[in-house]
C-alpha cells in the first residue's frame, strides 16, 4: 500500500514546523506549504485546467494551470516543475512571484489553509493532460478569466478565485 503523501506544516513565516499526511492536514485545517502555477502564453492567455471529476475536493472546477504541495527538501520551483509535468505533461521555466496565506473551507468538511507560493511560467504549445488529475484544459485571456469569475464564481476553485483577485497584477506578463 502506498504511503499517503505528506505536506509540510509551517508557521506564518513559512518556517517548517512538521510533516503531516495531506488529508489529515486538510481535515484539521492546519497551515501548510503549497504552490500554484500560472502558465501564460504570448497572447496574455492563461492556461486553465478543469480538475478531474473524481478529486476528493473541488472536482470538475476550473482552476490555475496546476497546484500542489512541496515535498520535504524540495524548492518551490522544483515542486512546481514536477507537478506541471505530472498534471499537464510539459515543463517550462518557472519563477517565484508572490506568496500569501489563505484559508478556504469546503462543503465536504475539509479546509485548505495554505502558505501559497505563486509560480509563473510561459508556454505556447498545448499540454498533454494526465486524465487522473485533469478533466480538461483551455487557454483564456486574463481579462476574460477576471470577468468569468465575477459572472460564474461557482465554476472555479476557491483558491483560484482568491489568488486571481488578490494578485491579478502579478499574474500577467
Protein backbone atom coordinates (compact mmCIF):
# COMPACT_ATOMS: atom_id res chain seq x y z
CA UNK A 1 0.00 0.00 0.00
CA UNK A 2 1.32 3.42 -0.98
CA UNK A 3 2.08 5.78 1.91
CA UNK A 4 -0.08 8.90 1.88
CA UNK A 5 1.72 12.00 0.68
CA UNK A 6 2.76 14.33 3.48
CA UNK A 7 2.56 18.11 3.48
CA UNK A 8 4.97 20.49 5.15
CA UNK A 9 3.39 22.22 8.15
CA UNK A 10 4.62 25.80 8.50
CA UNK A 11 4.19 28.83 10.72
CA UNK A 12 3.16 32.30 9.49
CA UNK A 13 6.78 32.94 8.41
CA UNK A 14 6.81 29.85 6.16
CA UNK A 15 9.21 28.05 8.51
CA UNK A 16 8.76 24.28 8.63
CA UNK A 17 7.34 23.03 11.92
CA UNK A 18 6.47 19.46 10.95
CA UNK A 19 5.07 16.99 8.45
CA UNK A 20 1.57 15.52 8.28
CA UNK A 21 -0.42 13.33 5.90
CA UNK A 22 -2.18 15.59 3.39
CA UNK A 23 -5.74 14.51 4.19
CA UNK A 24 -5.20 14.94 7.94
CA UNK A 25 -3.83 18.47 7.43
CA UNK A 26 -6.92 19.34 5.38
CA UNK A 27 -9.24 17.79 7.98
CA UNK A 28 -7.57 19.76 10.80
CA UNK A 29 -7.21 22.97 8.73
CA UNK A 30 -3.52 23.27 9.65
CA UNK A 31 -1.30 25.76 7.84
CA UNK A 32 0.92 24.04 5.29
CA UNK A 33 3.13 24.98 2.34
CA UNK A 34 1.70 24.89 -1.19
CA UNK A 35 2.26 26.33 -4.63
CA UNK A 36 0.10 27.48 -7.52
CA UNK A 37 1.43 27.54 -11.08
CA UNK A 38 0.14 30.08 -13.61
CA UNK A 39 1.25 29.49 -17.20
CA UNK A 40 0.62 32.24 -19.74
CA UNK A 41 1.28 32.48 -23.44
CA UNK A 42 2.44 35.41 -25.59
CA UNK A 43 -1.20 36.49 -26.13
CA UNK A 44 -1.60 37.01 -22.35
CA UNK A 45 -3.88 33.99 -22.14
CA UNK A 46 -3.84 31.86 -19.00
CA UNK A 47 -3.79 28.07 -19.26
CA UNK A 48 -6.63 26.84 -17.07
CA UNK A 49 -7.30 23.26 -16.05
CA UNK A 50 -10.55 21.62 -15.06
CA UNK A 51 -9.90 19.34 -12.11
CA UNK A 52 -10.65 15.64 -12.63
CA UNK A 53 -14.19 14.71 -11.64
CA UNK A 54 -13.04 12.10 -9.07
CA UNK A 55 -10.88 14.52 -6.98
CA UNK A 56 -11.73 14.46 -3.26
CA UNK A 57 -12.34 18.20 -3.24
CA UNK A 58 -13.29 20.74 -5.90
CA UNK A 59 -13.90 18.07 -8.58
CA UNK A 60 -14.74 19.38 -12.03
CA UNK A 61 -13.97 23.00 -11.16
CA UNK A 62 -11.73 25.26 -13.24
CA UNK A 63 -8.51 26.50 -11.71
CA UNK A 64 -4.98 27.69 -12.47
CA UNK A 65 -2.60 25.61 -14.58
CA UNK A 66 -1.65 23.35 -11.68
CA UNK A 67 -1.09 23.39 -7.94
CA UNK A 68 0.02 21.06 -5.20
CA UNK A 69 2.32 20.76 -2.20
CA UNK A 70 6.09 20.80 -1.91
CA UNK A 71 7.80 17.69 -0.63
CA UNK A 72 10.26 17.92 2.23
CA UNK A 73 13.54 19.36 0.93
CA UNK A 74 12.03 20.39 -2.42
CA UNK A 75 12.25 24.01 -3.61
CA UNK A 76 9.14 25.83 -4.80
CA UNK A 77 10.43 25.83 -8.38
CA UNK A 78 11.35 22.12 -8.29
CA UNK A 79 7.92 21.26 -6.86
CA UNK A 80 6.10 23.36 -9.46
CA UNK A 81 8.14 21.86 -12.28
CA UNK A 82 7.46 18.31 -11.03
CA UNK A 83 3.73 18.85 -10.72
CA UNK A 84 3.41 20.69 -14.04
CA UNK A 85 4.93 17.62 -15.73
CA UNK A 86 2.72 15.20 -13.74
CA UNK A 87 -0.55 17.05 -14.38
CA UNK A 88 -0.11 18.88 -17.68
CA UNK A 89 2.64 16.85 -19.39
CA UNK A 90 5.16 19.62 -20.04
CA UNK A 91 7.95 21.58 -18.39
CA UNK A 92 8.73 25.27 -18.77
CA UNK A 93 10.90 27.61 -16.69
CA UNK A 94 9.03 28.95 -13.65
CA UNK A 95 9.72 31.96 -11.49
CA UNK A 96 8.60 32.77 -7.96
CA UNK A 97 6.11 35.62 -7.91
CA UNK A 98 4.32 36.32 -4.64
CA UNK A 99 3.25 34.29 -1.63
CA UNK A 100 0.42 34.64 0.86
CA UNK A 101 -1.65 32.75 3.43
CA UNK A 102 -5.26 31.85 2.75
CA UNK A 103 -7.93 29.65 4.29
CA UNK A 104 -10.78 28.15 2.28
CA UNK A 105 -13.29 25.68 3.79
CA UNK A 106 -15.07 23.18 1.51
CA UNK A 107 -18.54 21.65 1.68
CA UNK A 108 -17.08 18.22 2.47
CA UNK A 109 -15.61 19.37 5.81
CA UNK A 110 -12.04 19.79 4.54
CA UNK A 111 -10.19 23.11 4.65
CA UNK A 112 -7.31 24.43 2.59
CA UNK A 113 -5.14 26.54 4.91
CA UNK A 114 -2.05 27.24 2.90
CA UNK A 115 1.05 29.34 2.69
CA UNK A 116 0.84 29.52 -1.08
CA UNK A 117 3.72 30.38 -3.42
CA UNK A 118 2.57 31.64 -6.82
CA UNK A 119 4.84 30.49 -9.66
CA UNK A 120 4.62 31.94 -13.16
CA UNK A 121 5.76 30.45 -16.46
CA UNK A 122 5.35 30.97 -20.18
CA UNK A 123 4.43 28.31 -22.74
CA UNK A 124 3.00 28.37 -26.26
CA UNK A 125 2.01 24.76 -27.00
CA UNK A 126 -0.85 22.51 -25.95
CA UNK A 127 -0.40 20.38 -22.84
CA UNK A 128 -0.72 16.59 -22.74
CA UNK A 129 -3.02 16.27 -19.73
CA UNK A 130 -2.98 13.42 -17.23
CA UNK A 131 -6.63 12.25 -17.04
CA UNK A 132 -6.09 11.07 -13.46
CA UNK A 133 -5.57 14.73 -12.49
CA UNK A 134 -7.18 16.85 -15.18
CA UNK A 135 -10.55 16.56 -16.96
CA UNK A 136 -9.98 19.36 -19.49
CA UNK A 137 -7.93 22.48 -20.19
CA UNK A 138 -8.15 25.74 -22.14
CA UNK A 139 -6.34 28.98 -22.88
CA UNK A 140 -8.35 32.00 -21.73
CA UNK A 141 -7.45 35.71 -21.97
CA UNK A 142 -6.62 37.03 -18.50
CA UNK A 143 -9.31 39.74 -18.75
CA UNK A 144 -11.91 37.11 -19.71
CA UNK A 145 -10.92 35.00 -16.70
CA UNK A 146 -11.44 38.01 -14.43
CA UNK A 147 -14.90 38.65 -15.91
CA UNK A 148 -15.92 34.99 -15.91
CA UNK A 149 -15.03 34.61 -12.23
CA UNK A 150 -17.37 37.51 -11.48
CA UNK A 151 -20.17 36.07 -13.63
CA UNK A 152 -19.79 32.36 -12.75
CA UNK A 153 -17.80 32.04 -9.49
CA UNK A 154 -19.26 28.59 -8.76
CA UNK A 155 -17.30 27.12 -11.70
CA UNK A 156 -13.88 27.97 -10.18
CA UNK A 157 -11.91 26.62 -7.21
CA UNK A 158 -11.90 28.70 -4.06
CA UNK A 159 -8.12 29.14 -4.02
CA UNK A 160 -8.03 30.24 -7.64
CA UNK A 161 -10.62 32.97 -7.01
CA UNK A 162 -8.60 34.20 -4.02
CA UNK A 163 -5.27 34.18 -5.86
CA UNK A 164 -6.66 35.74 -9.01
CA UNK A 165 -8.46 38.51 -7.15
CA UNK A 166 -5.61 39.29 -4.76
CA UNK A 167 -2.74 39.10 -7.16
CA UNK A 168 -4.24 39.95 -10.52
CA UNK A 169 -1.47 42.46 -11.25
CA UNK A 170 1.23 39.84 -10.51
CA UNK A 171 -0.15 37.09 -12.77
CA UNK A 172 0.06 39.00 -16.02
CA UNK A 173 3.19 39.08 -18.14
